[in-house]
Amino acid sequence: MNGYELIDELARVIKECLFVPNDKLPESFRDNRTDSVSLADLEKKYEGTMTVYDYTETDHQEEKREKARRVELYRQMIDNGEEITYLPK
């Protein structure tokens, strides 16, 4: 195992050792069979409830995406023999 794998394993083990009481959790995350839920189980439940709208772009990611879009449009202008015109963000 390399260092990164050891750190990942440590994080996994810690998440299995930490428990959150049911009364501190929203109803949808509670485990009514026990009085608490492990952090690992909470993480699995949370990942299962996430939707596409929960994933948001950072400003940097948005700027990179916009820059790539404009570069592609500039490339198309050059390929078509057109004069390059400035494209606002």
Protein backbone atom coordinates (compact mmCIF):
# COMPACT_ATOMS: atom_id res chain seq x y z
CA MET A 1 0.00 0.00 0.00
CA ASN A 2 1.20 3.45 -0.78
CA GLY A 3 0.62 6.51 1.38
CA TYR A 4 -2.54 7.60 -0.44
CA GLU A 5 -4.12 4.17 0.00
CA LEU A 6 -3.25 4.21 3.70
CA ILE A 7 -4.87 7.61 4.14
CA ASP A 8 -8.00 6.43 2.30
CA GLU A 9 -8.15 3.32 4.48
CA LEU A 10 -7.74 5.43 7.63
CA ALA A 11 -10.56 7.72 6.55
CA ARG A 12 -12.81 4.72 5.85
CA VAL A 13 -12.08 3.16 9.26
CA ILE A 14 -12.65 6.43 11.10
CA LYS A 15 -16.01 6.91 9.36
CA GLU A 16 -17.05 3.46 10.56
CA CYS A 17 -16.07 4.33 14.15
CA LEU A 18 -17.85 7.68 14.45
CA PHE A 19 -21.57 7.61 15.23
CA VAL A 20 -24.21 10.35 15.19
CA PRO A 21 -27.26 10.07 17.45
CA ASN A 22 -30.59 9.72 15.63
CA ASP A 23 -32.06 12.76 17.40
CA LYS A 24 -29.41 14.97 15.75
CA LEU A 25 -30.31 13.78 12.24
CA PRO A 26 -33.15 14.59 9.85
CA GLU A 27 -35.81 11.88 9.69
CA SER A 28 -34.65 10.59 6.31
CA PHE A 29 -31.14 9.82 7.63
CA ARG A 30 -32.16 8.12 10.88
CA ASP A 31 -31.73 4.41 11.52
CA ASN A 32 -34.67 3.42 13.72
CA ARG A 33 -33.14 0.01 14.46
CA THR A 34 -30.43 1.60 16.59
CA ASP A 35 -29.98 4.83 18.51
CA SER A 36 -27.23 6.15 16.21
CA VAL A 37 -25.83 5.94 12.68
CA SER A 38 -22.20 5.61 11.60
CA LEU A 39 -20.65 8.38 9.58
CA ALA A 40 -19.93 5.85 6.79
CA ASP A 41 -23.65 4.94 6.57
CA LEU A 42 -24.63 8.60 6.57
CA GLU A 43 -22.22 9.26 3.71
CA LYS A 44 -23.72 6.38 1.69
CA LYS A 45 -27.26 7.64 2.33
CA TYR A 46 -26.29 11.20 1.40
CA GLU A 47 -24.62 10.15 -1.85
CA GLY A 48 -27.73 8.16 -2.72
CA THR A 49 -29.99 11.20 -2.24
CA MET A 50 -27.94 13.65 -4.27
CA THR A 51 -29.30 14.77 -7.61
CA VAL A 52 -27.72 16.45 -10.61
CA TYR A 53 -28.77 19.82 -9.21
CA ASP A 54 -26.71 19.24 -6.05
CA TYR A 55 -23.48 19.27 -8.03
CA THR A 56 -22.56 22.87 -8.67
CA GLU A 57 -19.62 24.24 -10.58
CA THR A 58 -17.02 26.36 -8.90
CA ASP A 59 -16.25 29.72 -10.47
CA HIS A 60 -13.00 28.29 -11.84
CA GLN A 61 -14.79 25.33 -13.46
CA GLU A 62 -17.37 27.64 -15.01
CA GLU A 63 -14.65 29.93 -16.41
CA LYS A 64 -12.78 26.93 -17.87
CA ARG A 65 -15.96 25.64 -19.51
CA GLU A 66 -16.77 29.07 -20.98
CA LYS A 67 -13.20 29.53 -22.23
CA ALA A 68 -13.28 26.13 -23.94
CA ARG A 69 -16.60 27.06 -25.58
CA ARG A 70 -15.19 30.34 -26.92
CA VAL A 71 -11.97 28.68 -28.15
CA GLU A 72 -14.06 26.13 -30.05
CA LEU A 73 -16.11 28.91 -31.65
CA TYR A 74 -12.91 30.77 -32.62
CA ARG A 75 -11.54 27.55 -34.16
CA GLN A 76 -14.72 27.16 -36.20
CA MET A 77 -14.43 30.77 -37.42
CA ILE A 78 -10.85 30.13 -38.57
CA ASP A 79 -11.79 26.84 -40.24
CA ASN A 80 -14.61 28.60 -42.13
CA GLY A 81 -12.24 31.36 -43.26
CA GLU A 82 -14.14 34.00 -41.30
CA GLU A 83 -12.63 36.94 -39.49
CA ILE A 84 -12.34 36.32 -35.77
CA THR A 85 -14.81 38.42 -33.82
CA TYR A 86 -14.72 38.92 -30.08
CA LEU A 87 -17.18 36.73 -28.19
CA PRO A 88 -18.23 38.09 -24.81
CA LYS A 89 -18.50 35.76 -21.84
